[in-house]
Amino acid sequence: MNYGTNIAKGIGSGFVATLVLSVIMLMKQDMGLMPELNPIQMITQMSGAASPAVGWLAHFFIGTILWGALYAWLDPFLPGQHWFRGAIFATGAWLVMMVVMMPMAGAGLLGLHLGMMAPIAALILHWIYGAVLGGIYGVWAHAEHAQPAHAR
């Protein structure tokens, strides 16, 4: 498997994981669970945009392109099954969000201005994203290895 194929699978996996995460985030908002933890609104406000479409586009860019490609590069160095590797990777993404993005959005270090549950809820959302990211990537990587050499 070449590096370009890995990156493409990472980006594809990132897109699927971002879709799953987005559905969960919308369900969370619709149920009124932690409405103050709204990454799309935070991204929109940080960008100075008036439309949440900007926040959604940035969210999909980050989850699909940035994290998907980076995961594909780091996957071989992470321990365990692919879904677990994704969760480990997502823990790092969560840490970046908590230490860099939350303070930039005015939510304080670890997002604690949003309440004590904010970092925990954000970590759970990241773990779900990561498990899907790694799981899908692992299935796609395994499918290529399962083909006979002449079929590749």
C-alpha atoms as a PDB file:
ATOM      1  CA  MET A   1       0.000   0.000   0.000  1.00  0.00           C
ATOM      2  CA  ASN A   2       1.475   3.358  -0.968  1.00  0.00           C
ATOM      3  CA  TYR A   3       1.400   6.619   0.960  1.00  0.00           C
ATOM      4  CA  GLY A   4      -1.154   8.249  -1.388  1.00  0.00           C
ATOM      5  CA  THR A   5      -3.557   5.346  -0.915  1.00  0.00           C
ATOM      6  CA  ASN A   6      -3.188   5.621   2.855  1.00  0.00           C
ATOM      7  CA  ILE A   7      -3.967   9.332   2.784  1.00  0.00           C
ATOM      8  CA  ALA A   8      -7.012   8.794   0.547  1.00  0.00           C
ATOM      9  CA  LYS A   9      -8.319   6.110   2.923  1.00  0.00           C
ATOM     10  CA  GLY A  10      -7.658   8.416   5.873  1.00  0.00           C
ATOM     11  CA  ILE A  11      -9.572  11.260   4.231  1.00  0.00           C
ATOM     12  CA  GLY A  12     -12.449   8.942   3.313  1.00  0.00           C
ATOM     13  CA  SER A  13     -12.506   7.540   6.842  1.00  0.00           C
ATOM     14  CA  GLY A  14     -12.354  11.068   8.234  1.00  0.00           C
ATOM     15  CA  PHE A  15     -15.386  12.033   6.166  1.00  0.00           C
ATOM     16  CA  VAL A  16     -17.432   9.060   7.420  1.00  0.00           C
ATOM     17  CA  ALA A  17     -16.369   9.717  11.024  1.00  0.00           C
ATOM     18  CA  THR A  18     -17.201  13.421  10.678  1.00  0.00           C
ATOM     19  CA  LEU A  19     -20.660  12.531   9.325  1.00  0.00           C
ATOM     20  CA  VAL A  20     -21.292  10.233  12.301  1.00  0.00           C
ATOM     21  CA  LEU A  21     -20.031  12.873  14.734  1.00  0.00           C
ATOM     22  CA  SER A  22     -22.177  15.541  13.086  1.00  0.00           C
ATOM     23  CA  VAL A  23     -25.346  13.455  13.440  1.00  0.00           C
ATOM     24  CA  ILE A  24     -24.568  12.871  17.124  1.00  0.00           C
ATOM     25  CA  MET A  25     -23.869  16.583  17.648  1.00  0.00           C
ATOM     26  CA  LEU A  26     -27.214  17.490  16.018  1.00  0.00           C
ATOM     27  CA  MET A  27     -29.034  14.907  18.166  1.00  0.00           C
ATOM     28  CA  LYS A  28     -27.302  16.280  21.273  1.00  0.00           C
ATOM     29  CA  GLN A  29     -28.437  19.807  20.414  1.00  0.00           C
ATOM     30  CA  ASP A  30     -32.003  18.677  19.605  1.00  0.00           C
ATOM     31  CA  MET A  31     -32.254  16.905  22.976  1.00  0.00           C
ATOM     32  CA  GLY A  32     -31.011  20.023  24.743  1.00  0.00           C
ATOM     33  CA  LEU A  33     -27.969  18.237  26.169  1.00  0.00           C
ATOM     34  CA  MET A  34     -25.189  20.692  26.953  1.00  0.00           C
ATOM     35  CA  PRO A  35     -26.352  23.319  24.435  1.00  0.00           C
ATOM     36  CA  GLU A  36     -23.422  25.504  25.513  1.00  0.00           C
ATOM     37  CA  LEU A  37     -21.034  22.928  23.975  1.00  0.00           C
ATOM     38  CA  ASN A  38     -21.680  23.762  20.327  1.00  0.00           C
ATOM     39  CA  PRO A  39     -18.472  23.473  18.278  1.00  0.00           C
ATOM     40  CA  ILE A  40     -20.167  24.671  15.074  1.00  0.00           C
ATOM     41  CA  GLN A  41     -21.315  27.869  16.761  1.00  0.00           C
ATOM     42  CA  MET A  42     -17.847  28.336  18.300  1.00  0.00           C
ATOM     43  CA  ILE A  43     -16.101  27.924  14.930  1.00  0.00           C
ATOM     44  CA  THR A  44     -18.597  30.281  13.281  1.00  0.00           C
ATOM     45  CA  GLN A  45     -18.033  32.946  15.948  1.00  0.00           C
ATOM     46  CA  MET A  46     -14.243  32.532  15.897  1.00  0.00           C
ATOM     47  CA  SER A  47     -14.216  33.005  12.122  1.00  0.00           C
ATOM     48  CA  GLY A  48     -16.304  36.156  12.411  1.00  0.00           C
ATOM     49  CA  ALA A  49     -18.878  34.688  10.034  1.00  0.00           C
ATOM     50  CA  ALA A  50     -22.592  35.327  10.243  1.00  0.00           C
ATOM     51  CA  SER A  51     -23.654  31.965   8.836  1.00  0.00           C
ATOM     52  CA  PRO A  52     -23.262  28.595  10.567  1.00  0.00           C
ATOM     53  CA  ALA A  53     -22.444  27.197   7.114  1.00  0.00           C
ATOM     54  CA  VAL A  54     -18.910  28.498   7.675  1.00  0.00           C
ATOM     55  CA  GLY A  55     -18.697  26.576  10.941  1.00  0.00           C
ATOM     56  CA  TRP A  56     -19.960  23.401   9.274  1.00  0.00           C
ATOM     57  CA  LEU A  57     -17.513  23.736   6.382  1.00  0.00           C
ATOM     58  CA  ALA A  58     -14.605  24.235   8.780  1.00  0.00           C
ATOM     59  CA  HIS A  59     -15.815  21.311  10.917  1.00  0.00           C
ATOM     60  CA  PHE A  60     -15.875  19.002   7.874  1.00  0.00           C
ATOM     61  CA  PHE A  61     -12.513  20.279   6.634  1.00  0.00           C
ATOM     62  CA  ILE A  62     -10.871  19.641  10.010  1.00  0.00           C
ATOM     63  CA  GLY A  63     -12.470  16.222  10.563  1.00  0.00           C
ATOM     64  CA  THR A  64     -12.079  15.000   6.989  1.00  0.00           C
ATOM     65  CA  ILE A  65      -8.906  16.497   5.553  1.00  0.00           C
ATOM     66  CA  LEU A  66      -6.776  17.522   8.530  1.00  0.00           C
ATOM     67  CA  TRP A  67      -7.486  14.731  11.016  1.00  0.00           C
ATOM     68  CA  GLY A  68      -8.147  12.074   8.332  1.00  0.00           C
ATOM     69  CA  ALA A  69      -4.799  12.598   6.605  1.00  0.00           C
ATOM     70  CA  LEU A  70      -2.894  12.913   9.883  1.00  0.00           C
ATOM     71  CA  TYR A  71      -4.492   9.723  11.197  1.00  0.00           C
ATOM     72  CA  ALA A  72      -3.468   7.792   8.072  1.00  0.00           C
ATOM     73  CA  TRP A  73       0.106   8.911   8.619  1.00  0.00           C
ATOM     74  CA  LEU A  74       0.121   8.000  12.351  1.00  0.00           C
ATOM     75  CA  ASP A  75      -1.930   4.770  12.205  1.00  0.00           C
ATOM     76  CA  PRO A  76       1.046   2.403  11.745  1.00  0.00           C
ATOM     77  CA  PHE A  77       2.691   3.797  14.887  1.00  0.00           C
ATOM     78  CA  LEU A  78      -0.315   3.410  17.198  1.00  0.00           C
ATOM     79  CA  PRO A  79      -0.973   0.274  19.271  1.00  0.00           C
ATOM     80  CA  GLY A  80      -3.976  -2.025  19.213  1.00  0.00           C
ATOM     81  CA  GLN A  81      -6.812  -2.607  16.818  1.00  0.00           C
ATOM     82  CA  HIS A  82      -7.687   0.163  14.378  1.00  0.00           C
ATOM     83  CA  TRP A  83     -10.760   1.415  16.282  1.00  0.00           C
ATOM     84  CA  PHE A  84      -8.574   1.743  19.406  1.00  0.00           C
ATOM     85  CA  ARG A  85      -5.838   3.491  17.435  1.00  0.00           C
ATOM     86  CA  GLY A  86      -8.481   5.952  16.273  1.00  0.00           C
ATOM     87  CA  ALA A  87      -9.594   6.575  19.858  1.00  0.00           C
ATOM     88  CA  ILE A  88      -5.992   7.191  20.925  1.00  0.00           C
ATOM     89  CA  PHE A  89      -5.537   9.591  18.015  1.00  0.00           C
ATOM     90  CA  ALA A  90      -8.800  11.368  18.854  1.00  0.00           C
ATOM     91  CA  THR A  91      -7.617  11.856  22.432  1.00  0.00           C
ATOM     92  CA  GLY A  92      -4.766  13.933  20.997  1.00  0.00           C
ATOM     93  CA  ALA A  93      -7.232  15.898  18.833  1.00  0.00           C
ATOM     94  CA  TRP A  94      -9.355  16.483  21.948  1.00  0.00           C
ATOM     95  CA  LEU A  95      -6.310  17.797  23.808  1.00  0.00           C
ATOM     96  CA  VAL A  96      -5.598  20.256  20.980  1.00  0.00           C
ATOM     97  CA  MET A  97      -9.217  21.395  21.097  1.00  0.00           C
ATOM     98  CA  MET A  98      -9.166  21.801  24.885  1.00  0.00           C
ATOM     99  CA  VAL A  99      -5.819  23.614  25.129  1.00  0.00           C
ATOM    100  CA  VAL A 100      -5.853  25.691  21.933  1.00  0.00           C
ATOM    101  CA  MET A 101      -9.340  26.049  20.464  1.00  0.00           C
ATOM    102  CA  MET A 102     -11.439  26.369  23.634  1.00  0.00           C
ATOM    103  CA  PRO A 103      -9.410  29.287  25.021  1.00  0.00           C
ATOM    104  CA  MET A 104      -9.465  30.942  21.577  1.00  0.00           C
ATOM    105  CA  ALA A 105     -13.269  30.610  21.548  1.00  0.00           C
ATOM    106  CA  GLY A 106     -13.498  32.234  24.987  1.00  0.00           C
ATOM    107  CA  ALA A 107     -14.499  28.992  26.707  1.00  0.00           C
ATOM    108  CA  GLY A 108     -11.358  28.867  28.859  1.00  0.00           C
ATOM    109  CA  LEU A 109      -8.738  26.184  29.265  1.00  0.00           C
ATOM    110  CA  LEU A 110     -10.365  22.758  28.790  1.00  0.00           C
ATOM    111  CA  GLY A 111     -13.632  24.596  28.044  1.00  0.00           C
ATOM    112  CA  LEU A 112     -14.283  24.906  31.773  1.00  0.00           C
ATOM    113  CA  HIS A 113     -16.180  28.180  31.317  1.00  0.00           C
ATOM    114  CA  LEU A 114     -18.862  25.953  29.783  1.00  0.00           C
ATOM    115  CA  GLY A 115     -19.056  23.812  32.924  1.00  0.00           C
ATOM    116  CA  MET A 116     -17.317  20.802  34.407  1.00  0.00           C
ATOM    117  CA  MET A 117     -19.018  18.387  32.009  1.00  0.00           C
ATOM    118  CA  ALA A 118     -17.776  20.152  28.855  1.00  0.00           C
ATOM    119  CA  PRO A 119     -14.351  18.475  28.678  1.00  0.00           C
ATOM    120  CA  ILE A 120     -15.850  15.059  29.462  1.00  0.00           C
ATOM    121  CA  ALA A 121     -18.607  15.387  26.866  1.00  0.00           C
ATOM    122  CA  ALA A 122     -16.098  16.649  24.292  1.00  0.00           C
ATOM    123  CA  LEU A 123     -13.797  13.697  25.039  1.00  0.00           C
ATOM    124  CA  ILE A 124     -16.632  11.207  24.566  1.00  0.00           C
ATOM    125  CA  LEU A 125     -17.550  12.833  21.240  1.00  0.00           C
ATOM    126  CA  HIS A 126     -13.894  12.670  20.166  1.00  0.00           C
ATOM    127  CA  TRP A 127     -13.652   8.995  21.159  1.00  0.00           C
ATOM    128  CA  ILE A 128     -16.707   8.182  19.050  1.00  0.00           C
ATOM    129  CA  TYR A 129     -15.200  10.081  16.116  1.00  0.00           C
ATOM    130  CA  GLY A 130     -11.848   8.323  16.607  1.00  0.00           C
ATOM    131  CA  ALA A 131     -13.306   4.830  16.914  1.00  0.00           C
ATOM    132  CA  VAL A 132     -15.256   5.321  13.679  1.00  0.00           C
ATOM    133  CA  LEU A 133     -12.231   6.904  11.962  1.00  0.00           C
ATOM    134  CA  GLY A 134      -9.911   4.052  12.937  1.00  0.00           C
ATOM    135  CA  GLY A 135     -12.499   1.329  12.417  1.00  0.00           C
ATOM    136  CA  ILE A 136     -13.372   2.416   8.881  1.00  0.00           C
ATOM    137  CA  TYR A 137      -9.706   2.978   8.022  1.00  0.00           C
ATOM    138  CA  GLY A 138      -8.866  -0.498   9.329  1.00  0.00           C
ATOM    139  CA  VAL A 139     -11.615  -2.150   7.267  1.00  0.00           C
ATOM    140  CA  TRP A 140     -10.447  -0.386   4.122  1.00  0.00           C
ATOM    141  CA  ALA A 141      -6.781  -1.172   4.818  1.00  0.00           C
ATOM    142  CA  HIS A 142      -7.620  -4.818   5.573  1.00  0.00           C
ATOM    143  CA  ALA A 143      -9.683  -5.153   2.377  1.00  0.00           C
ATOM    144  CA  GLU A 144      -6.678  -4.135   0.272  1.00  0.00           C
ATOM    145  CA  HIS A 145      -4.414  -6.650   2.026  1.00  0.00           C
ATOM    146  CA  ALA A 146      -7.004  -9.416   1.577  1.00  0.00           C
ATOM    147  CA  GLN A 147      -6.856  -9.108  -2.229  1.00  0.00           C
ATOM    148  CA  PRO A 148      -4.443 -11.353  -4.110  1.00  0.00           C
ATOM    149  CA  ALA A 149      -1.302  -9.500  -5.230  1.00  0.00           C
ATOM    150  CA  HIS A 150      -2.255  -9.784  -8.928  1.00  0.00           C
ATOM    151  CA  ALA A 151      -5.646  -8.074  -8.221  1.00  0.00           C
ATOM    152  CA  ARG A 152      -4.058  -4.906  -6.809  1.00  0.00           C
END
